Amino acid sequence: MESHIVKVLSVTPVTHNVRRYKVEKPEGYTFVPGQATEVAVNKPGWEDERRPFTFTSLNEWDHLEFTIKSYPDHHSVTDLLGHIQPGDSLILHDVWGAIQYKGEGIFIAGGAGVTPFIAIFRDLQHKGQLGNNKLFFSNRTYADIILKEEFQEMLGNNFINTITREEVPGYDHHIIDEAYLKRKISNFDQHFYICGPDPMVQQLREVLEKLSGKADLVTVEI
């Protein structure tokens, strides 16, 4: 299995617990928007602690980017990443991932599950092909919304947010379930892309396969 040690070039905050990591790009390293790699921190005792993270950069860029949520209450890789500084290094492995753009449709994300969609939407914008794609984004609080301004600029009214733990004027206050989807979507004969916590993904996959009648229209990370 191929691996690359890459230097962290910059770390910038995105939300209160999400950071953007700009890192070196190995020569010839490519991926499809939506794909991921396993990342380890190049520090003693952590080299084999690999976790999957999605690329949020584009192949055209001269660097790689990851947008990662940290969990300070866990003694884990994401907690360690919260303390990474420019000049530190990460270990990257092979590229993988099932979430790739197959055509215009509905994207559904829960929390940090939005990360595969960042590169997909950036790529579509770069190509002038955003079309009528829609993003339904569920978060616990308003402060948790990742890249709110960028998604708003790209998608306009096709960026639909729902907040589950608090009521915010102008935002839906509902979990994304079958009732919510039926109220918001009139045509289920289109592509659906789902990424988020496992229980959410499994539930919505079953719902959308039933509503669309076509399992091949529903894309999830396997």
N, C-alpha and C. Protein backbone atom coordinates (compact mmCIF):
# COMPACT_ATOMS: atom_id res chain seq x y z
N MET A 1 0.85 -1.20 0.00
CA MET A 1 0.00 0.00 0.00
C MET A 1 0.88 1.24 0.00
N GLU A 2 0.60 2.13 -0.92
CA GLU A 2 1.39 3.34 -1.06
C GLU A 2 1.10 4.32 0.07
N SER A 3 2.14 5.01 0.52
CA SER A 3 1.95 6.05 1.54
C SER A 3 2.85 7.23 1.21
N HIS A 4 2.44 8.40 1.69
CA HIS A 4 3.18 9.64 1.42
C HIS A 4 3.23 10.45 2.71
N ILE A 5 4.39 10.96 3.04
CA ILE A 5 4.52 11.90 4.16
C ILE A 5 4.46 13.30 3.59
N VAL A 6 3.49 14.09 4.04
CA VAL A 6 3.29 15.43 3.50
C VAL A 6 3.30 16.46 4.63
N LYS A 7 3.84 17.61 4.34
CA LYS A 7 3.93 18.69 5.33
C LYS A 7 2.63 19.48 5.37
N VAL A 8 2.23 19.85 6.57
CA VAL A 8 1.07 20.74 6.74
C VAL A 8 1.51 22.16 6.44
N LEU A 9 0.84 22.81 5.49
CA LEU A 9 1.21 24.16 5.07
C LEU A 9 0.48 25.23 5.87
N SER A 10 -0.79 24.96 6.20
CA SER A 10 -1.56 25.93 6.99
C SER A 10 -2.74 25.24 7.65
N VAL A 11 -3.21 25.83 8.74
CA VAL A 11 -4.40 25.35 9.45
C VAL A 11 -5.26 26.58 9.75
N THR A 12 -6.51 26.56 9.29
CA THR A 12 -7.39 27.71 9.52
C THR A 12 -8.74 27.23 10.03
N PRO A 13 -9.35 27.98 10.94
CA PRO A 13 -10.67 27.58 11.46
C PRO A 13 -11.77 27.77 10.43
N VAL A 14 -12.74 26.85 10.44
CA VAL A 14 -13.92 26.93 9.58
C VAL A 14 -15.16 27.20 10.45
N THR A 15 -15.30 26.41 11.53
CA THR A 15 -16.32 26.64 12.56
C THR A 15 -15.63 26.51 13.90
N HIS A 16 -16.43 26.46 14.96
CA HIS A 16 -15.85 26.36 16.30
C HIS A 16 -15.10 25.05 16.53
N ASN A 17 -15.39 24.01 15.75
CA ASN A 17 -14.69 22.73 15.94
C ASN A 17 -14.29 22.06 14.62
N VAL A 18 -14.25 22.84 13.55
CA VAL A 18 -13.82 22.33 12.25
C VAL A 18 -12.68 23.20 11.74
N ARG A 19 -11.65 22.54 11.19
CA ARG A 19 -10.49 23.26 10.66
C ARG A 19 -10.20 22.82 9.23
N ARG A 20 -9.61 23.74 8.49
CA ARG A 20 -9.17 23.46 7.11
C ARG A 20 -7.65 23.24 7.15
N TYR A 21 -7.22 22.09 6.64
CA TYR A 21 -5.81 21.73 6.61
C TYR A 21 -5.31 21.76 5.17
N LYS A 22 -4.41 22.66 4.89
CA LYS A 22 -3.76 22.73 3.58
C LYS A 22 -2.44 21.98 3.69
N VAL A 23 -2.24 20.96 2.85
CA VAL A 23 -1.03 20.13 2.96
C VAL A 23 -0.40 19.98 1.57
N GLU A 24 0.86 19.55 1.59
CA GLU A 24 1.57 19.32 0.34
C GLU A 24 0.87 18.24 -0.49
N LYS A 25 1.02 18.35 -1.81
CA LYS A 25 0.42 17.38 -2.72
C LYS A 25 1.53 16.54 -3.36
N PRO A 26 1.55 15.23 -3.09
CA PRO A 26 2.58 14.39 -3.72
C PRO A 26 2.46 14.44 -5.24
N GLU A 27 3.57 14.33 -5.92
CA GLU A 27 3.57 14.39 -7.38
C GLU A 27 2.74 13.24 -7.95
N GLY A 28 1.84 13.58 -8.88
CA GLY A 28 1.02 12.57 -9.53
C GLY A 28 -0.15 12.07 -8.70
N TYR A 29 -0.39 12.67 -7.55
CA TYR A 29 -1.46 12.22 -6.65
C TYR A 29 -2.79 12.79 -7.14
N THR A 30 -3.73 11.92 -7.51
CA THR A 30 -5.02 12.38 -8.02
C THR A 30 -6.16 11.63 -7.36
N PHE A 31 -7.36 12.20 -7.46
CA PHE A 31 -8.55 11.61 -6.87
C PHE A 31 -9.76 12.14 -7.63
N VAL A 32 -10.90 11.49 -7.43
CA VAL A 32 -12.16 11.95 -7.99
C VAL A 32 -12.87 12.75 -6.89
N PRO A 33 -13.44 13.93 -7.19
CA PRO A 33 -14.15 14.69 -6.17
C PRO A 33 -15.18 13.82 -5.44
N GLY A 34 -15.11 13.83 -4.11
CA GLY A 34 -15.95 12.97 -3.29
C GLY A 34 -15.17 11.84 -2.64
N GLN A 35 -13.96 11.55 -3.18
CA GLN A 35 -13.16 10.46 -2.63
C GLN A 35 -12.36 10.91 -1.41
N ALA A 36 -11.78 9.91 -0.75
CA ALA A 36 -11.08 10.13 0.52
C ALA A 36 -9.77 9.35 0.54
N THR A 37 -9.03 9.52 1.61
CA THR A 37 -7.85 8.71 1.89
C THR A 37 -7.76 8.49 3.39
N GLU A 38 -6.96 7.52 3.80
CA GLU A 38 -6.70 7.34 5.22
C GLU A 38 -5.52 8.21 5.61
N VAL A 39 -5.67 8.94 6.72
CA VAL A 39 -4.67 9.89 7.17
C VAL A 39 -4.19 9.50 8.56
N ALA A 40 -2.89 9.58 8.77
CA ALA A 40 -2.31 9.41 10.10
C ALA A 40 -1.43 10.62 10.40
N VAL A 41 -1.26 10.91 11.68
CA VAL A 41 -0.38 12.00 12.09
C VAL A 41 1.03 11.44 12.25
N ASN A 42 1.99 12.10 11.65
CA ASN A 42 3.37 11.61 11.66
C ASN A 42 4.07 12.02 12.95
N LYS A 43 3.60 11.43 14.05
CA LYS A 43 4.20 11.64 15.37
C LYS A 43 4.40 10.29 16.04
N PRO A 44 5.40 10.15 16.91
CA PRO A 44 5.67 8.85 17.54
C PRO A 44 4.44 8.26 18.21
N GLY A 45 4.13 7.01 17.87
CA GLY A 45 3.00 6.31 18.46
C GLY A 45 1.70 6.50 17.72
N TRP A 46 1.69 7.41 16.74
CA TRP A 46 0.45 7.70 16.01
C TRP A 46 0.52 7.32 14.54
N GLU A 47 1.66 6.84 14.08
CA GLU A 47 1.84 6.61 12.64
C GLU A 47 0.88 5.57 12.06
N ASP A 48 0.44 4.65 12.88
CA ASP A 48 -0.45 3.58 12.39
C ASP A 48 -1.91 3.82 12.75
N GLU A 49 -2.21 4.96 13.39
CA GLU A 49 -3.60 5.31 13.74
C GLU A 49 -4.21 6.08 12.58
N ARG A 50 -4.77 5.33 11.64
CA ARG A 50 -5.28 5.94 10.41
C ARG A 50 -6.79 6.17 10.49
N ARG A 51 -7.22 7.31 9.95
CA ARG A 51 -8.64 7.63 9.90
C ARG A 51 -8.98 8.14 8.49
N PRO A 52 -10.20 7.86 8.01
CA PRO A 52 -10.58 8.32 6.68
C PRO A 52 -11.02 9.78 6.67
N PHE A 53 -10.48 10.54 5.75
CA PHE A 53 -10.90 11.92 5.56
C PHE A 53 -11.02 12.21 4.07
N THR A 54 -12.01 13.03 3.74
CA THR A 54 -12.30 13.36 2.34
C THR A 54 -11.47 14.55 1.88
N PHE A 55 -11.03 14.50 0.65
CA PHE A 55 -10.38 15.66 0.05
C PHE A 55 -11.44 16.74 -0.21
N THR A 56 -11.13 17.96 0.19
CA THR A 56 -12.05 19.06 -0.13
C THR A 56 -11.41 20.02 -1.14
N SER A 57 -10.25 19.64 -1.64
CA SER A 57 -9.58 20.39 -2.70
C SER A 57 -9.99 19.84 -4.05
N LEU A 58 -9.45 20.44 -5.11
CA LEU A 58 -9.65 19.96 -6.46
C LEU A 58 -8.32 19.50 -7.04
N ASN A 59 -8.37 18.62 -8.02
CA ASN A 59 -7.14 18.12 -8.63
C ASN A 59 -6.32 19.25 -9.26
N GLU A 60 -6.99 20.32 -9.70
CA GLU A 60 -6.30 21.42 -10.36
C GLU A 60 -5.43 22.22 -9.38
N TRP A 61 -5.70 22.10 -8.09
CA TRP A 61 -4.95 22.87 -7.10
C TRP A 61 -3.54 22.30 -6.94
N ASP A 62 -2.62 23.13 -6.48
CA ASP A 62 -1.24 22.68 -6.28
C ASP A 62 -1.00 22.11 -4.88
N HIS A 63 -2.08 21.98 -4.11
CA HIS A 63 -1.98 21.41 -2.77
C HIS A 63 -3.22 20.57 -2.50
N LEU A 64 -3.20 19.81 -1.42
CA LEU A 64 -4.37 19.07 -0.97
C LEU A 64 -5.01 19.82 0.18
N GLU A 65 -6.32 19.61 0.36
CA GLU A 65 -7.03 20.23 1.48
C GLU A 65 -7.96 19.22 2.11
N PHE A 66 -8.01 19.24 3.44
CA PHE A 66 -8.97 18.45 4.21
C PHE A 66 -9.72 19.41 5.12
N THR A 67 -11.01 19.16 5.30
CA THR A 67 -11.84 19.95 6.22
C THR A 67 -12.33 18.99 7.28
N ILE A 68 -11.79 19.12 8.50
CA ILE A 68 -11.92 18.05 9.51
C ILE A 68 -12.50 18.60 10.81
N LYS A 69 -13.48 17.87 11.32
CA LYS A 69 -14.08 18.19 12.61
C LYS A 69 -13.29 17.50 13.72
N SER A 70 -12.97 18.25 14.78
CA SER A 70 -12.25 17.70 15.93
C SER A 70 -13.21 17.36 17.06
N TYR A 71 -12.86 16.31 17.79
CA TYR A 71 -13.66 15.87 18.94
C TYR A 71 -12.75 15.89 20.16
N PRO A 72 -12.66 17.04 20.85
CA PRO A 72 -11.71 17.19 21.95
C PRO A 72 -11.93 16.22 23.11
N ASP A 73 -13.16 15.70 23.25
CA ASP A 73 -13.43 14.80 24.37
C ASP A 73 -12.97 13.37 24.07
N HIS A 74 -12.49 13.12 22.84
CA HIS A 74 -11.95 11.81 22.50
C HIS A 74 -10.42 11.91 22.44
N HIS A 75 -9.72 10.95 23.00
CA HIS A 75 -8.27 10.91 22.83
C HIS A 75 -8.02 10.17 21.53
N SER A 76 -8.12 10.91 20.41
CA SER A 76 -8.16 10.28 19.11
C SER A 76 -7.38 11.09 18.10
N VAL A 77 -7.38 10.59 16.85
CA VAL A 77 -6.69 11.29 15.78
C VAL A 77 -7.28 12.68 15.55
N THR A 78 -8.61 12.80 15.59
CA THR A 78 -9.20 14.12 15.34
C THR A 78 -8.84 15.10 16.45
N ASP A 79 -8.73 14.62 17.68
CA ASP A 79 -8.30 15.48 18.77
C ASP A 79 -6.86 15.93 18.55
N LEU A 80 -5.99 15.00 18.15
CA LEU A 80 -4.59 15.33 17.87
C LEU A 80 -4.50 16.33 16.72
N LEU A 81 -5.32 16.13 15.70
CA LEU A 81 -5.30 17.05 14.57
C LEU A 81 -5.67 18.48 14.99
N GLY A 82 -6.47 18.58 16.05
CA GLY A 82 -6.83 19.90 16.55
C GLY A 82 -5.65 20.67 17.09
N HIS A 83 -4.51 19.98 17.31
CA HIS A 83 -3.31 20.63 17.83
C HIS A 83 -2.19 20.70 16.80
N ILE A 84 -2.47 20.22 15.59
CA ILE A 84 -1.46 20.23 14.53
C ILE A 84 -1.15 21.67 14.11
N GLN A 85 0.13 21.93 13.82
CA GLN A 85 0.56 23.25 13.40
C GLN A 85 1.24 23.17 12.03
N PRO A 86 1.29 24.27 11.30
CA PRO A 86 2.05 24.28 10.05
C PRO A 86 3.49 23.82 10.31
N GLY A 87 4.00 22.99 9.44
CA GLY A 87 5.34 22.42 9.62
C GLY A 87 5.29 20.99 10.12
N ASP A 88 4.20 20.61 10.81
CA ASP A 88 4.01 19.21 11.18
C ASP A 88 3.71 18.41 9.92
N SER A 89 3.70 17.08 10.02
CA SER A 89 3.44 16.28 8.82
C SER A 89 2.40 15.20 9.07
N LEU A 90 1.74 14.82 7.99
CA LEU A 90 0.73 13.77 7.99
C LEU A 90 1.19 12.65 7.06
N ILE A 91 0.60 11.47 7.24
CA ILE A 91 0.87 10.34 6.37
C ILE A 91 -0.42 10.03 5.60
N LEU A 92 -0.35 10.09 4.28
CA LEU A 92 -1.50 9.79 3.43
C LEU A 92 -1.33 8.41 2.80
N HIS A 93 -2.46 7.75 2.55
CA HIS A 93 -2.44 6.42 1.94
C HIS A 93 -3.22 6.41 0.63
N ASP A 94 -3.70 5.25 0.23
CA ASP A 94 -4.37 5.12 -1.07
C ASP A 94 -5.68 5.91 -1.10
N VAL A 95 -6.08 6.30 -2.30
CA VAL A 95 -7.35 6.99 -2.53
C VAL A 95 -8.47 5.96 -2.68
N TRP A 96 -9.64 6.25 -2.08
CA TRP A 96 -10.78 5.35 -2.17
C TRP A 96 -12.07 6.15 -1.99
N GLY A 97 -13.20 5.50 -2.19
CA GLY A 97 -14.47 6.16 -1.92
C GLY A 97 -15.51 5.91 -2.99
N ALA A 98 -16.74 5.69 -2.56
CA ALA A 98 -17.84 5.37 -3.48
C ALA A 98 -18.65 6.59 -3.87
N ILE A 99 -18.51 7.68 -3.12
CA ILE A 99 -19.33 8.85 -3.42
C ILE A 99 -18.67 9.66 -4.53
N GLN A 100 -19.25 9.54 -5.73
CA GLN A 100 -18.81 10.29 -6.90
C GLN A 100 -20.04 10.82 -7.63
N TYR A 101 -19.86 11.91 -8.32
CA TYR A 101 -20.99 12.55 -9.01
C TYR A 101 -21.42 11.71 -10.21
N LYS A 102 -22.72 11.39 -10.25
CA LYS A 102 -23.28 10.57 -11.33
C LYS A 102 -24.33 11.32 -12.15
N GLY A 103 -24.64 12.52 -11.70
CA GLY A 103 -25.65 13.31 -12.40
C GLY A 103 -26.41 14.20 -11.44
N GLU A 104 -27.15 15.13 -11.96
CA GLU A 104 -27.87 16.13 -11.17
C GLU A 104 -28.85 15.45 -10.21
N GLY A 105 -28.95 16.01 -9.00
CA GLY A 105 -29.86 15.43 -8.04
C GLY A 105 -29.84 16.12 -6.70
N ILE A 106 -30.14 15.33 -5.66
CA ILE A 106 -30.28 15.83 -4.30
C ILE A 106 -29.15 15.28 -3.45
N PHE A 107 -28.45 16.19 -2.76
CA PHE A 107 -27.39 15.81 -1.83
C PHE A 107 -27.93 16.00 -0.41
N ILE A 108 -27.72 15.00 0.44
CA ILE A 108 -28.20 15.06 1.82
C ILE A 108 -27.03 14.80 2.75
N ALA A 109 -26.74 15.75 3.65
CA ALA A 109 -25.59 15.63 4.53
C ALA A 109 -25.98 15.87 5.97
N GLY A 110 -25.34 15.12 6.86
CA GLY A 110 -25.48 15.34 8.29
C GLY A 110 -24.14 15.73 8.87
N GLY A 111 -24.02 16.95 9.41
CA GLY A 111 -22.79 17.40 10.06
C GLY A 111 -21.57 17.31 9.17
N ALA A 112 -20.49 16.71 9.69
CA ALA A 112 -19.24 16.61 8.94
C ALA A 112 -19.36 15.69 7.74
N GLY A 113 -20.50 15.01 7.60
CA GLY A 113 -20.76 14.20 6.41
C GLY A 113 -20.87 15.02 5.14
N VAL A 114 -20.86 16.33 5.27
CA VAL A 114 -20.93 17.18 4.08
C VAL A 114 -19.60 17.21 3.33
N THR A 115 -18.52 16.75 3.94
CA THR A 115 -17.20 16.95 3.33
C THR A 115 -17.04 16.35 1.93
N PRO A 116 -17.57 15.15 1.61
CA PRO A 116 -17.42 14.68 0.23
C PRO A 116 -18.10 15.59 -0.79
N PHE A 117 -19.12 16.29 -0.34
CA PHE A 117 -19.87 17.14 -1.26
C PHE A 117 -19.16 18.46 -1.52
N ILE A 118 -18.24 18.85 -0.64
CA ILE A 118 -17.52 20.11 -0.83
C ILE A 118 -16.75 20.08 -2.15
N ALA A 119 -15.94 19.03 -2.35
CA ALA A 119 -15.15 18.93 -3.57
C ALA A 119 -16.05 18.74 -4.79
N ILE A 120 -17.14 17.99 -4.64
CA ILE A 120 -18.05 17.78 -5.77
C ILE A 120 -18.66 19.10 -6.23
N PHE A 121 -19.17 19.89 -5.28
CA PHE A 121 -19.78 21.16 -5.66
C PHE A 121 -18.73 22.16 -6.17
N ARG A 122 -17.54 22.16 -5.58
CA ARG A 122 -16.49 23.05 -6.08
C ARG A 122 -16.11 22.67 -7.51
N ASP A 123 -16.06 21.37 -7.77
CA ASP A 123 -15.71 20.90 -9.11
C ASP A 123 -16.81 21.28 -10.12
N LEU A 124 -18.06 21.10 -9.73
CA LEU A 124 -19.17 21.48 -10.62
C LEU A 124 -19.17 22.98 -10.88
N GLN A 125 -18.91 23.76 -9.84
CA GLN A 125 -18.84 25.21 -10.03
C GLN A 125 -17.69 25.58 -10.98
N HIS A 126 -16.55 24.94 -10.79
CA HIS A 126 -15.38 25.19 -11.64
C HIS A 126 -15.70 24.91 -13.10
N LYS A 127 -16.53 23.89 -13.34
CA LYS A 127 -16.89 23.50 -14.70
C LYS A 127 -18.14 24.22 -15.22
N GLY A 128 -18.76 25.03 -14.36
CA GLY A 128 -19.99 25.70 -14.75
C GLY A 128 -21.16 24.75 -14.87
N GLN A 129 -21.19 23.71 -14.04
CA GLN A 129 -22.19 22.66 -14.15
C GLN A 129 -22.99 22.43 -12.86
N LEU A 130 -23.16 23.47 -12.06
CA LEU A 130 -23.93 23.32 -10.82
C LEU A 130 -25.39 22.98 -11.09
N GLY A 131 -25.91 23.49 -12.19
CA GLY A 131 -27.28 23.15 -12.59
C GLY A 131 -28.29 23.35 -11.48
N ASN A 132 -29.19 22.36 -11.32
CA ASN A 132 -30.24 22.45 -10.31
C ASN A 132 -29.97 21.50 -9.15
N ASN A 133 -28.71 21.14 -8.93
CA ASN A 133 -28.37 20.31 -7.78
C ASN A 133 -28.77 21.01 -6.49
N LYS A 134 -29.27 20.23 -5.54
CA LYS A 134 -29.68 20.78 -4.24
C LYS A 134 -28.93 20.09 -3.12
N LEU A 135 -28.65 20.85 -2.05
CA LEU A 135 -28.02 20.29 -0.86
C LEU A 135 -28.92 20.51 0.35
N PHE A 136 -29.36 19.41 0.96
CA PHE A 136 -30.05 19.45 2.25
C PHE A 136 -29.02 19.15 3.32
N PHE A 137 -28.84 20.08 4.26
CA PHE A 137 -27.76 19.99 5.24
C PHE A 137 -28.36 20.06 6.64
N SER A 138 -28.19 18.97 7.41
CA SER A 138 -28.71 18.90 8.78
C SER A 138 -27.58 19.08 9.78
N ASN A 139 -27.79 19.99 10.74
CA ASN A 139 -26.83 20.22 11.82
C ASN A 139 -27.57 20.37 13.14
N ARG A 140 -26.86 20.16 14.21
CA ARG A 140 -27.47 20.32 15.53
C ARG A 140 -27.75 21.78 15.83
N THR A 141 -26.77 22.65 15.54
CA THR A 141 -26.93 24.07 15.83
C THR A 141 -26.49 24.91 14.63
N TYR A 142 -26.88 26.17 14.63
CA TYR A 142 -26.49 27.10 13.57
C TYR A 142 -24.97 27.21 13.48
N ALA A 143 -24.30 27.20 14.64
CA ALA A 143 -22.84 27.35 14.67
C ALA A 143 -22.11 26.17 14.06
N ASP A 144 -22.81 25.05 13.87
CA ASP A 144 -22.18 23.85 13.32
C ASP A 144 -22.14 23.83 11.79
N ILE A 145 -22.81 24.77 11.13
CA ILE A 145 -22.92 24.73 9.67
C ILE A 145 -21.54 24.99 9.04
N ILE A 146 -21.04 24.03 8.30
CA ILE A 146 -19.73 24.12 7.66
C ILE A 146 -19.84 24.83 6.32
N LEU A 147 -18.97 25.84 6.11
CA LEU A 147 -18.90 26.57 4.83
C LEU A 147 -20.26 27.14 4.40
N LYS A 148 -20.99 27.68 5.34
CA LYS A 148 -22.33 28.20 5.06
C LYS A 148 -22.31 29.25 3.95
N GLU A 149 -21.38 30.20 4.03
CA GLU A 149 -21.35 31.27 3.04
C GLU A 149 -20.98 30.75 1.65
N GLU A 150 -20.03 29.81 1.60
CA GLU A 150 -19.61 29.29 0.29
C GLU A 150 -20.74 28.50 -0.37
N PHE A 151 -21.41 27.66 0.40
CA PHE A 151 -22.54 26.90 -0.16
C PHE A 151 -23.66 27.83 -0.59
N GLN A 152 -23.92 28.86 0.21
CA GLN A 152 -24.97 29.82 -0.13
C GLN A 152 -24.65 30.53 -1.45
N GLU A 153 -23.40 30.91 -1.61
CA GLU A 153 -22.99 31.61 -2.83
C GLU A 153 -23.11 30.68 -4.05
N MET A 154 -22.72 29.40 -3.87
CA MET A 154 -22.76 28.46 -4.98
C MET A 154 -24.18 28.06 -5.36
N LEU A 155 -25.01 27.78 -4.33
CA LEU A 155 -26.29 27.12 -4.57
C LEU A 155 -27.51 28.01 -4.40
N GLY A 156 -27.35 29.11 -3.70
CA GLY A 156 -28.50 30.00 -3.49
C GLY A 156 -29.64 29.29 -2.78
N ASN A 157 -30.83 29.34 -3.35
CA ASN A 157 -32.00 28.72 -2.73
C ASN A 157 -31.96 27.19 -2.76
N ASN A 158 -31.01 26.63 -3.48
CA ASN A 158 -30.85 25.17 -3.51
C ASN A 158 -29.99 24.66 -2.35
N PHE A 159 -29.64 25.55 -1.45
CA PHE A 159 -28.94 25.18 -0.21
C PHE A 159 -29.96 25.27 0.92
N ILE A 160 -30.42 24.11 1.39
CA ILE A 160 -31.51 24.06 2.38
C ILE A 160 -30.95 23.51 3.70
N ASN A 161 -31.05 24.31 4.75
CA ASN A 161 -30.54 23.92 6.06
C ASN A 161 -31.66 23.57 7.02
N THR A 162 -31.42 22.54 7.83
CA THR A 162 -32.34 22.25 8.93
C THR A 162 -31.53 22.07 10.20
N ILE A 163 -31.99 22.70 11.26
CA ILE A 163 -31.28 22.69 12.56
C ILE A 163 -32.11 21.86 13.54
N THR A 164 -31.49 20.88 14.17
CA THR A 164 -32.28 19.94 14.99
C THR A 164 -32.32 20.28 16.48
N ARG A 165 -31.32 20.98 17.00
CA ARG A 165 -31.26 21.20 18.45
C ARG A 165 -31.67 22.59 18.89
N GLU A 166 -31.94 23.47 17.94
CA GLU A 166 -32.37 24.82 18.30
C GLU A 166 -33.21 25.39 17.16
N GLU A 167 -34.04 26.34 17.49
CA GLU A 167 -34.86 26.99 16.47
C GLU A 167 -34.20 28.30 16.06
N VAL A 168 -33.97 28.44 14.75
CA VAL A 168 -33.31 29.62 14.21
C VAL A 168 -34.21 30.23 13.14
N PRO A 169 -34.55 31.51 13.26
CA PRO A 169 -35.41 32.14 12.26
C PRO A 169 -34.86 31.95 10.85
N GLY A 170 -35.72 31.54 9.92
CA GLY A 170 -35.31 31.36 8.54
C GLY A 170 -34.74 29.99 8.22
N TYR A 171 -34.63 29.13 9.23
CA TYR A 171 -34.08 27.79 9.03
C TYR A 171 -35.11 26.75 9.45
N ASP A 172 -35.13 25.63 8.74
CA ASP A 172 -36.01 24.53 9.13
C ASP A 172 -35.58 23.98 10.48
N HIS A 173 -36.55 23.44 11.22
CA HIS A 173 -36.27 22.83 12.52
C HIS A 173 -36.90 21.43 12.49
N HIS A 174 -36.17 20.48 11.89
CA HIS A 174 -36.72 19.15 11.68
C HIS A 174 -35.58 18.20 11.32
N ILE A 175 -35.65 16.97 11.77
CA ILE A 175 -34.70 15.98 11.30
C ILE A 175 -35.04 15.63 9.85
N ILE A 176 -34.04 15.16 9.11
CA ILE A 176 -34.31 14.74 7.74
C ILE A 176 -34.80 13.29 7.78
N ASP A 177 -36.09 13.13 7.59
CA ASP A 177 -36.69 11.81 7.59
C ASP A 177 -37.65 11.71 6.41
N GLU A 178 -38.43 10.65 6.32
CA GLU A 178 -39.30 10.45 5.19
C GLU A 178 -40.33 11.57 5.05
N ALA A 179 -40.92 11.98 6.17
CA ALA A 179 -41.93 13.04 6.13
C ALA A 179 -41.33 14.35 5.61
N TYR A 180 -40.13 14.67 6.09
CA TYR A 180 -39.46 15.91 5.67
C TYR A 180 -39.16 15.88 4.17
N LEU A 181 -38.62 14.74 3.70
CA LEU A 181 -38.27 14.62 2.29
C LEU A 181 -39.50 14.71 1.39
N LYS A 182 -40.60 14.09 1.80
CA LYS A 182 -41.84 14.15 1.00
C LYS A 182 -42.37 15.58 0.91
N ARG A 183 -42.16 16.34 1.98
CA ARG A 183 -42.63 17.72 1.99
C ARG A 183 -41.76 18.62 1.12
N LYS A 184 -40.48 18.28 1.01
CA LYS A 184 -39.52 19.16 0.33
C LYS A 184 -39.25 18.77 -1.12
N ILE A 185 -39.48 17.50 -1.48
CA ILE A 185 -39.09 17.00 -2.80
C ILE A 185 -40.31 16.46 -3.52
N SER A 186 -40.51 16.92 -4.75
CA SER A 186 -41.67 16.45 -5.53
C SER A 186 -41.31 15.33 -6.50
N ASN A 187 -40.03 15.27 -6.89
CA ASN A 187 -39.59 14.28 -7.87
C ASN A 187 -38.52 13.37 -7.26
N PHE A 188 -38.85 12.10 -7.10
CA PHE A 188 -37.88 11.16 -6.54
C PHE A 188 -37.19 10.33 -7.62
N ASP A 189 -37.45 10.65 -8.87
CA ASP A 189 -36.79 9.96 -9.98
C ASP A 189 -35.55 10.76 -10.39
N GLN A 190 -34.60 10.85 -9.48
CA GLN A 190 -33.35 11.55 -9.74
C GLN A 190 -32.28 10.98 -8.82
N HIS A 191 -31.06 11.43 -8.98
CA HIS A 191 -29.97 10.91 -8.15
C HIS A 191 -30.06 11.48 -6.73
N PHE A 192 -29.70 10.64 -5.76
CA PHE A 192 -29.60 11.05 -4.36
C PHE A 192 -28.22 10.63 -3.83
N TYR A 193 -27.60 11.54 -3.10
CA TYR A 193 -26.29 11.30 -2.51
C TYR A 193 -26.42 11.55 -1.01
N ILE A 194 -26.01 10.58 -0.18
CA ILE A 194 -26.20 10.70 1.27
C ILE A 194 -24.87 10.46 1.98
N CYS A 195 -24.54 11.34 2.92
CA CYS A 195 -23.36 11.13 3.75
C CYS A 195 -23.60 11.78 5.12
N GLY A 196 -23.26 11.04 6.18
CA GLY A 196 -23.45 11.53 7.54
C GLY A 196 -23.26 10.39 8.52
N PRO A 197 -23.80 10.53 9.73
CA PRO A 197 -23.70 9.43 10.70
C PRO A 197 -24.33 8.15 10.15
N ASP A 198 -23.76 7.01 10.47
CA ASP A 198 -24.21 5.73 9.91
C ASP A 198 -25.72 5.48 10.06
N PRO A 199 -26.32 5.71 11.25
CA PRO A 199 -27.76 5.45 11.39
C PRO A 199 -28.59 6.32 10.43
N MET A 200 -28.19 7.57 10.27
CA MET A 200 -28.90 8.47 9.36
C MET A 200 -28.79 7.98 7.92
N VAL A 201 -27.58 7.60 7.52
CA VAL A 201 -27.36 7.14 6.15
C VAL A 201 -28.18 5.89 5.86
N GLN A 202 -28.16 4.94 6.78
CA GLN A 202 -28.88 3.69 6.56
C GLN A 202 -30.39 3.92 6.46
N GLN A 203 -30.91 4.76 7.36
CA GLN A 203 -32.34 5.03 7.36
C GLN A 203 -32.76 5.73 6.06
N LEU A 204 -32.01 6.75 5.67
CA LEU A 204 -32.39 7.51 4.48
C LEU A 204 -32.16 6.71 3.21
N ARG A 205 -31.19 5.84 3.22
CA ARG A 205 -30.97 4.98 2.05
C ARG A 205 -32.21 4.11 1.80
N GLU A 206 -32.72 3.52 2.86
CA GLU A 206 -33.92 2.68 2.74
C GLU A 206 -35.12 3.50 2.30
N VAL A 207 -35.27 4.68 2.88
CA VAL A 207 -36.40 5.55 2.53
C VAL A 207 -36.35 5.95 1.06
N LEU A 208 -35.16 6.36 0.61
CA LEU A 208 -35.05 6.87 -0.76
C LEU A 208 -35.08 5.76 -1.80
N GLU A 209 -34.60 4.59 -1.46
CA GLU A 209 -34.72 3.47 -2.38
C GLU A 209 -36.20 3.10 -2.56
N LYS A 210 -36.98 3.24 -1.47
CA LYS A 210 -38.41 2.97 -1.55
C LYS A 210 -39.13 4.06 -2.35
N LEU A 211 -38.84 5.31 -2.07
CA LEU A 211 -39.54 6.41 -2.72
C LEU A 211 -39.16 6.53 -4.20
N SER A 212 -37.93 6.23 -4.52
CA SER A 212 -37.50 6.33 -5.92
C SER A 212 -37.81 5.07 -6.71
N GLY A 213 -37.85 3.94 -5.98
CA GLY A 213 -38.08 2.67 -6.65
C GLY A 213 -36.87 2.16 -7.41
N LYS A 214 -35.72 2.84 -7.25
CA LYS A 214 -34.52 2.47 -7.98
C LYS A 214 -33.30 2.60 -7.05
N ALA A 215 -32.78 1.46 -6.62
CA ALA A 215 -31.65 1.47 -5.70
C ALA A 215 -30.41 2.13 -6.32
N ASP A 216 -30.26 2.04 -7.64
CA ASP A 216 -29.07 2.61 -8.27
C ASP A 216 -29.07 4.13 -8.34
N LEU A 217 -30.20 4.75 -7.95
CA LEU A 217 -30.25 6.21 -7.88
C LEU A 217 -29.71 6.74 -6.56
N VAL A 218 -29.48 5.87 -5.59
CA VAL A 218 -29.06 6.28 -4.25
C VAL A 218 -27.59 5.92 -4.04
N THR A 219 -26.75 6.93 -3.84
CA THR A 219 -25.32 6.75 -3.64
C THR A 219 -24.94 7.04 -2.19
N VAL A 220 -24.30 6.08 -1.53
CA VAL A 220 -23.81 6.27 -0.16
C VAL A 220 -22.40 5.71 -0.09
N GLU A 221 -21.68 6.06 0.98
CA GLU A 221 -20.36 5.48 1.20
C GLU A 221 -20.51 4.08 1.75
N ILE A 222 -19.90 3.10 1.11
CA ILE A 222 -20.04 1.70 1.53
C ILE A 222 -18.90 1.31 2.44
